[in-house]
Amino acid sequence: DWDVTDEQIDEQLQSLRERYAEVDEVDRAAADGDLVTVNLDVTVDGEKLESAHVEDALYEIGSGGVTPKLDEELIGKSAGDEFTYDDNLPDDYPEHGGKPATFAVTVVDVREKTLPDLDDDFAASASGFDTIAELRDDLRTSLRRRNVTNAQHELRGKILDAYLARVDIELPPAMIQGEVDERLHQLEHQAEQYGMSADDLLSMQASDRETFTDDARTQATSSVKARLVLDRLAETLDVKIETSDIEQEILRHAQQSNMAPNEVAKVVQEQGSLPVLVGDIMRRRAIDQIVEAADIEGEPDEATLIELGLAEDPDAEPAEESSKDAPGLIVPGQKPSEESESELIVPGRD
């Protein structure tokens, strides 16, 4: 279900209005939807939680951002009011999740939020479009593009799962264990960045090492099977990789990591990970052919995909190549080509 309803457009416009709302301090009691500046302390079993102490925090009444009861308690309060209330901490709160607690709150000030009118002036100031109708059209296109892209990714996953289910293969235990060890290493590294142990990090996520390892083994088994089967399929299909394919892959990685393409290419060459890059491209090409062979219903027609920028228009003039920052790479098994040179929905952008 990739199409977009008017209600979804209205939700996007409402979010955009919230971003452009004017907020002014008022001399009255707080009401639902107001913003209040608060100081907050939380006590559990007689001990004040330093991690929960906040000062001059801006809180929107009705957001449920701390506990639902805070929204109720704040209504009718004015600047300078102090009060306490009892409630349970959120279940995912570190160490004390779900425990009864006492919340001490001081209201510093009350602020009223005024949303802009949904008119042509708002469209011009918020997006650069001349009319609200043009803004709605752009939001519809962006949402449809996102929905189709998400649906395509989901579809590819389902088709690949169905294909792999037809294949019975004995998996090398060492490959699976290697994947599990890598996932555990990544967990340790992530915990180290937060200055805690892996067990503490898992506890915050309502998990433990045994559960994580079991999940990692399940994921590793699927990953290893997919890699082996797709590698064999790519070999059978005699998938060819060109230098331009690798340069496009480097550009894709550069965009994802917010790095210059030549920096990504340098890392690839220094780490000797070009074969890994080539393998990823070949497996995607193999999946492409599996998807092409599948019977698919309900997808957008070619004209819609072209309109959304998700397919090339065969009648369009070819775009000039300009890739100024990605150096040419040599594909294993091929002759080197001449060195080439390379380089929330926001309205007006994907």
Protein backbone atom coordinates (compact mmCIF):
# COMPACT_ATOMS: atom_id res chain seq x y z
CA ASP A 1 0.00 0.00 0.00
CA TRP A 2 2.25 2.76 -1.29
CA ASP A 3 -0.21 5.51 -2.24
CA VAL A 4 -0.82 8.59 -0.08
CA THR A 5 -4.06 9.84 1.47
CA ASP A 6 -5.11 13.45 2.09
CA GLU A 7 -4.99 12.69 5.82
CA GLN A 8 -1.28 11.81 5.56
CA ILE A 9 -0.63 15.08 3.74
CA ASP A 10 -2.49 16.93 6.51
CA GLU A 11 -0.28 15.24 9.12
CA GLN A 12 2.85 16.40 7.31
CA LEU A 13 1.52 19.95 7.06
CA GLN A 14 0.65 19.92 10.76
CA SER A 15 4.21 18.84 11.61
CA LEU A 16 5.53 21.64 9.42
CA ARG A 17 3.28 24.17 11.18
CA GLU A 18 4.62 22.94 14.54
CA ARG A 19 8.17 23.64 13.35
CA TYR A 20 7.23 27.20 12.45
CA ALA A 21 5.10 27.91 15.51
CA GLU A 22 5.66 31.10 17.49
CA VAL A 23 6.16 30.62 21.25
CA ASP A 24 5.51 33.47 23.67
CA GLU A 25 5.68 33.56 27.47
CA VAL A 26 2.25 34.22 29.04
CA ASP A 27 1.10 35.31 32.48
CA ARG A 28 -1.59 32.67 33.09
CA ALA A 29 -2.08 29.10 34.21
CA ALA A 30 -0.86 26.33 31.90
CA ALA A 31 -3.29 24.56 29.57
CA ASP A 32 -3.11 21.50 27.34
CA GLY A 33 -0.76 22.17 24.40
CA ASP A 34 1.22 24.87 26.20
CA LEU A 35 4.97 24.71 26.69
CA VAL A 36 6.30 25.01 30.23
CA THR A 37 9.85 25.41 31.46
CA VAL A 38 10.39 23.09 34.43
CA ASN A 39 12.99 21.95 36.93
CA LEU A 40 12.60 18.26 37.78
CA ASP A 41 13.95 15.84 40.40
CA VAL A 42 13.09 12.14 40.76
CA THR A 43 13.40 10.09 43.94
CA VAL A 44 13.31 6.26 44.06
CA ASP A 45 13.37 4.39 47.39
CA GLY A 46 14.41 7.62 49.13
CA GLU A 47 17.36 8.19 46.80
CA LYS A 48 17.46 11.15 44.41
CA LEU A 49 18.43 10.07 40.88
CA GLU A 50 21.18 12.36 39.59
CA SER A 51 20.63 11.06 36.05
CA ALA A 52 17.02 12.29 36.16
CA HIS A 53 17.74 15.83 37.39
CA VAL A 54 16.93 18.53 34.83
CA GLU A 55 16.83 22.32 34.96
CA ASP A 56 15.08 24.76 32.63
CA ALA A 57 13.73 21.96 30.45
CA LEU A 58 11.06 22.95 27.94
CA TYR A 59 8.14 20.50 28.11
CA GLU A 60 4.97 20.36 26.01
CA ILE A 61 1.84 19.50 27.97
CA GLY A 62 0.13 16.53 26.38
CA SER A 63 3.29 14.98 24.94
CA GLY A 64 3.58 12.25 27.59
CA GLY A 65 7.33 12.74 27.46
CA VAL A 66 8.08 12.01 31.13
CA THR A 67 5.08 10.17 32.55
CA PRO A 68 1.44 10.65 31.51
CA LYS A 69 0.59 11.92 34.99
CA LEU A 70 2.91 14.92 34.60
CA ASP A 71 0.64 16.26 31.85
CA GLU A 72 -2.35 16.09 34.20
CA GLU A 73 -0.45 17.71 37.07
CA LEU A 74 0.86 20.64 34.99
CA ILE A 75 -2.57 21.78 33.78
CA GLY A 76 -3.64 24.76 35.89
CA LYS A 77 -0.16 25.43 37.27
CA SER A 78 1.50 28.85 36.93
CA ALA A 79 5.06 30.18 36.94
CA GLY A 80 6.64 29.70 40.39
CA ASP A 81 4.39 26.77 41.41
CA GLU A 82 6.09 23.77 43.02
CA PHE A 83 4.48 20.34 43.43
CA THR A 84 5.22 16.64 43.78
CA TYR A 85 3.42 13.58 42.48
CA ASP A 86 3.93 9.80 42.56
CA ASP A 87 4.08 7.65 39.44
CA ASN A 88 6.05 4.74 37.99
CA LEU A 89 9.15 5.38 35.92
CA PRO A 90 8.96 4.28 32.26
CA ASP A 91 9.72 0.57 31.81
CA ASP A 92 12.78 1.30 29.68
CA TYR A 93 14.36 3.70 32.20
CA PRO A 94 17.94 2.50 32.99
CA GLU A 95 18.21 0.38 36.16
CA HIS A 96 14.98 1.67 37.72
CA GLY A 97 12.54 0.99 34.87
CA GLY A 98 8.94 0.52 36.06
CA LYS A 99 9.72 1.36 39.70
CA PRO A 100 7.49 3.71 41.80
CA ALA A 101 9.02 7.17 42.08
CA THR A 102 8.31 10.63 43.47
CA PHE A 103 8.60 13.51 41.02
CA ALA A 104 9.35 17.04 42.34
CA VAL A 105 8.53 19.76 39.80
CA THR A 106 9.04 23.53 39.72
CA VAL A 107 7.31 25.53 36.99
CA VAL A 108 9.67 28.27 35.79
CA ASP A 109 7.39 29.81 33.15
CA VAL A 110 4.41 29.09 30.89
CA ARG A 111 4.55 29.64 27.12
CA GLU A 112 1.78 29.68 24.55
CA LYS A 113 2.31 28.21 21.10
CA THR A 114 0.68 29.87 18.08
CA LEU A 115 0.60 27.92 14.83
CA PRO A 116 0.80 29.81 11.51
CA ASP A 117 -2.20 29.82 9.20
CA LEU A 118 -2.11 27.21 6.45
CA ASP A 119 -2.06 29.63 3.52
CA ASP A 120 0.08 30.68 0.58
CA ASP A 121 2.22 32.96 2.75
CA PHE A 122 3.06 30.02 4.99
CA ALA A 123 3.92 27.87 1.97
CA ALA A 124 6.29 30.56 0.69
CA SER A 125 8.07 31.07 4.02
CA ALA A 126 8.26 27.38 4.99
CA SER A 127 9.16 25.81 1.65
CA GLY A 128 9.74 28.30 -1.11
CA PHE A 129 6.61 27.26 -3.01
CA ASP A 130 4.25 30.03 -4.10
CA THR A 131 1.02 28.34 -3.01
CA ILE A 132 -0.18 25.86 -0.42
CA ALA A 133 -1.46 23.69 -3.30
CA GLU A 134 2.07 23.39 -4.70
CA LEU A 135 3.38 22.51 -1.25
CA ARG A 136 0.73 19.78 -0.88
CA ASP A 137 1.66 18.36 -4.29
CA ASP A 138 5.33 18.26 -3.37
CA LEU A 139 4.60 16.55 -0.04
CA ARG A 140 2.43 13.99 -1.83
CA THR A 141 5.22 13.22 -4.30
CA SER A 142 7.83 12.93 -1.55
CA LEU A 143 5.63 10.66 0.55
CA ARG A 144 4.77 8.44 -2.41
CA ARG A 145 8.45 8.18 -3.31
CA ARG A 146 9.31 7.19 0.25
CA ASN A 147 6.46 4.67 0.43
CA VAL A 148 7.40 3.05 -2.89
CA THR A 149 11.07 2.87 -1.90
CA ASN A 150 10.21 1.27 1.46
CA ALA A 151 7.83 -1.16 -0.24
CA GLN A 152 10.50 -2.13 -2.77
CA HIS A 153 12.99 -2.87 0.01
CA GLU A 154 10.41 -4.92 1.91
CA LEU A 155 9.42 -6.77 -1.26
CA ARG A 156 13.03 -7.65 -2.08
CA GLY A 157 13.43 -9.08 1.41
CA LYS A 158 10.30 -11.22 1.11
CA ILE A 159 11.28 -12.51 -2.34
CA LEU A 160 14.80 -13.34 -1.16
CA ASP A 161 13.44 -15.19 1.89
CA ALA A 162 11.12 -17.20 -0.36
CA TYR A 163 14.01 -18.06 -2.69
CA LEU A 164 16.36 -19.07 0.14
CA ALA A 165 13.63 -21.27 1.64
CA ARG A 166 13.83 -23.42 -1.52
CA VAL A 167 17.53 -24.09 -0.96
CA ASP A 168 18.84 -26.68 1.49
CA ILE A 169 22.54 -26.16 2.18
CA GLU A 170 24.95 -27.25 4.89
CA LEU A 171 26.47 -24.18 6.49
CA PRO A 172 30.08 -24.10 7.77
CA PRO A 173 29.94 -23.69 11.57
CA ALA A 174 33.13 -21.60 11.53
CA MET A 175 31.51 -18.99 9.25
CA ILE A 176 28.48 -18.73 11.53
CA GLN A 177 30.63 -18.44 14.65
CA GLY A 178 32.73 -15.78 12.95
CA GLU A 179 29.59 -13.72 12.32
CA VAL A 180 28.45 -14.19 15.93
CA ASP A 181 31.86 -13.12 17.23
CA GLU A 182 31.76 -10.01 15.02
CA ARG A 183 28.33 -9.03 16.37
CA LEU A 184 29.58 -9.52 19.93
CA HIS A 185 32.63 -7.39 19.13
CA GLN A 186 30.37 -4.63 17.79
CA LEU A 187 28.32 -4.81 21.00
CA GLU A 188 31.46 -4.45 23.13
CA HIS A 189 32.60 -1.49 21.03
CA GLN A 190 29.21 0.23 21.31
CA ALA A 191 29.16 -0.26 25.09
CA GLU A 192 32.70 1.11 25.36
CA GLN A 193 31.60 4.29 23.56
CA TYR A 194 28.95 4.79 26.28
CA GLY A 195 31.49 4.08 29.02
CA MET A 196 29.79 0.91 30.23
CA SER A 197 30.04 -2.85 29.95
CA ALA A 198 28.22 -4.88 27.31
CA ASP A 199 26.10 -6.51 30.02
CA ASP A 200 25.02 -3.11 31.35
CA LEU A 201 24.10 -1.95 27.85
CA LEU A 202 22.06 -5.12 27.26
CA SER A 203 20.34 -4.64 30.61
CA MET A 204 19.26 -1.15 29.53
CA GLN A 205 17.72 -2.78 26.45
CA ALA A 206 15.85 -5.34 28.60
CA SER A 207 18.10 -8.11 27.29
CA ASP A 208 21.10 -10.21 28.40
CA ARG A 209 24.17 -11.79 26.84
CA GLU A 210 22.56 -15.20 26.33
CA THR A 211 19.55 -13.73 24.51
CA PHE A 212 21.80 -11.47 22.43
CA THR A 213 24.04 -14.40 21.46
CA ASP A 214 21.06 -16.57 20.50
CA ASP A 215 19.65 -13.77 18.34
CA ALA A 216 23.08 -13.13 16.83
CA ARG A 217 23.41 -16.82 15.91
CA THR A 218 19.99 -16.82 14.24
CA GLN A 219 20.86 -13.69 12.26
CA ALA A 220 24.32 -15.05 11.41
CA THR A 221 22.84 -18.31 10.11
CA SER A 222 20.50 -16.41 7.78
CA SER A 223 23.29 -14.04 6.69
CA VAL A 224 25.78 -16.82 5.91
CA LYS A 225 23.21 -18.83 3.99
CA ALA A 226 22.17 -15.80 1.93
CA ARG A 227 25.79 -14.93 1.15
CA LEU A 228 26.74 -18.44 0.04
CA VAL A 229 23.61 -19.00 -2.04
CA LEU A 230 23.77 -15.57 -3.72
CA ASP A 231 27.48 -15.96 -4.45
CA ARG A 232 26.77 -19.29 -6.17
CA LEU A 233 23.82 -17.81 -8.05
CA ALA A 234 25.90 -14.82 -9.22
CA GLU A 235 28.53 -17.28 -10.48
CA THR A 236 25.89 -19.32 -12.30
CA LEU A 237 24.38 -16.20 -13.86
CA ASP A 238 27.88 -14.99 -14.77
CA VAL A 239 27.23 -11.54 -13.27
CA LYS A 240 29.62 -8.97 -14.70
CA ILE A 241 30.90 -5.97 -12.70
CA GLU A 242 32.22 -2.87 -14.42
CA THR A 243 34.49 -0.19 -12.97
CA SER A 244 31.58 2.25 -13.12
CA ASP A 245 29.58 -0.09 -10.85
CA ILE A 246 32.27 0.14 -8.17
CA GLU A 247 32.47 3.90 -8.51
CA GLN A 248 28.69 4.12 -8.02
CA GLU A 249 28.99 1.88 -4.95
CA ILE A 250 31.66 4.18 -3.52
CA LEU A 251 29.44 7.19 -4.16
CA ARG A 252 26.58 5.41 -2.37
CA HIS A 253 28.79 4.67 0.66
CA ALA A 254 30.05 8.26 0.63
CA GLN A 255 26.51 9.63 0.77
CA GLN A 256 25.56 7.28 3.60
CA SER A 257 28.64 8.11 5.68
CA ASN A 258 28.75 11.82 4.77
CA MET A 259 32.30 11.46 3.43
CA ALA A 260 33.94 12.58 0.21
CA PRO A 261 33.96 9.77 -2.40
CA ASN A 262 37.76 9.91 -2.77
CA GLU A 263 38.09 9.40 1.01
CA VAL A 264 35.89 6.29 0.84
CA ALA A 265 37.90 5.00 -2.13
CA LYS A 266 41.12 5.56 -0.19
CA VAL A 267 39.80 3.60 2.80
CA VAL A 268 38.67 0.76 0.52
CA GLN A 269 42.10 0.55 -1.08
CA GLU A 270 44.04 0.88 2.19
CA GLN A 271 41.97 -1.83 3.91
CA GLY A 272 42.03 -4.11 0.87
CA SER A 273 38.23 -4.34 1.00
CA LEU A 274 37.63 -4.02 -2.73
CA PRO A 275 36.70 -7.74 -3.03
CA VAL A 276 34.08 -7.21 -0.30
CA LEU A 277 32.67 -4.27 -2.24
CA VAL A 278 32.55 -6.31 -5.45
CA GLY A 279 30.87 -9.18 -3.60
CA ASP A 280 28.14 -6.88 -2.28
CA ILE A 281 27.44 -5.59 -5.79
CA MET A 282 27.31 -9.09 -7.27
CA ARG A 283 24.91 -10.33 -4.58
CA ARG A 284 22.61 -7.36 -5.19
CA ARG A 285 22.69 -8.12 -8.91
CA ALA A 286 21.74 -11.72 -8.15
CA ILE A 287 18.81 -10.52 -6.01
CA ASP A 288 17.78 -8.21 -8.88
CA GLN A 289 17.40 -11.24 -11.14
CA ILE A 290 15.44 -13.19 -8.51
CA VAL A 291 13.08 -10.21 -8.15
CA GLU A 292 12.79 -9.88 -11.92
CA ALA A 293 11.71 -13.53 -12.14
CA ALA A 294 9.04 -13.15 -9.43
CA ASP A 295 5.35 -12.48 -10.09
CA ILE A 296 4.56 -9.14 -8.42
CA GLU A 297 1.15 -7.51 -8.09
CA GLY A 298 0.19 -4.01 -7.00
CA GLU A 299 3.40 -2.19 -7.88
CA PRO A 300 3.35 1.26 -9.53
CA ASP A 301 3.44 1.35 -13.31
CA GLU A 302 6.54 2.54 -15.16
CA ALA A 303 5.14 6.04 -15.73
CA THR A 304 4.60 6.51 -11.98
CA LEU A 305 8.12 5.29 -11.18
CA ILE A 306 9.56 7.73 -13.73
CA GLU A 307 7.44 10.55 -12.28
CA LEU A 308 8.77 9.75 -8.79
CA GLY A 309 12.35 9.64 -10.01
CA LEU A 310 12.66 5.91 -9.26
CA ALA A 311 13.10 4.81 -12.86
CA GLU A 312 14.88 6.27 -15.85
CA ASP A 313 12.86 7.83 -18.65
CA PRO A 314 13.98 6.10 -21.87
CA ASP A 315 13.01 9.20 -23.85
CA ALA A 316 14.96 11.63 -21.67
CA GLU A 317 18.21 13.20 -22.80
CA PRO A 318 21.20 11.36 -21.25
CA ALA A 319 22.69 13.25 -18.31
CA GLU A 320 26.27 14.40 -18.54
CA GLU A 321 28.60 12.34 -16.40
CA SER A 322 30.24 14.30 -13.66
CA SER A 323 31.97 12.46 -10.89
CA LYS A 324 34.76 14.64 -9.74
CA ASP A 325 35.90 13.03 -6.52
CA ALA A 326 35.95 9.25 -6.99
CA PRO A 327 39.14 7.90 -8.52
CA GLY A 328 38.90 5.07 -11.03
CA LEU A 329 39.31 1.61 -9.51
CA ILE A 330 40.51 -1.56 -11.18
CA VAL A 331 38.04 -4.45 -11.06
CA PRO A 332 39.71 -7.78 -10.32
CA GLY A 333 39.98 -9.90 -13.45
CA GLN A 334 39.50 -6.99 -15.82
CA LYS A 335 41.86 -4.66 -17.64
CA PRO A 336 42.22 -1.25 -16.03
CA SER A 337 40.16 1.47 -17.65
CA GLU A 338 41.35 5.02 -18.10
CA GLU A 339 41.37 6.92 -14.83
CA SER A 340 38.08 8.68 -14.29
CA GLU A 341 37.29 11.62 -12.07
CA SER A 342 34.30 11.86 -9.81
CA GLU A 343 32.46 13.56 -7.05
CA LEU A 344 11.29 14.13 8.31
CA ILE A 345 10.39 14.97 4.71
CA VAL A 346 11.66 18.39 3.76
CA PRO A 347 9.48 20.10 1.17
CA GLY A 348 11.21 20.41 -2.17
CA ARG A 349 13.61 17.57 -1.33
CA ASP A 350 13.42 13.77 -1.18
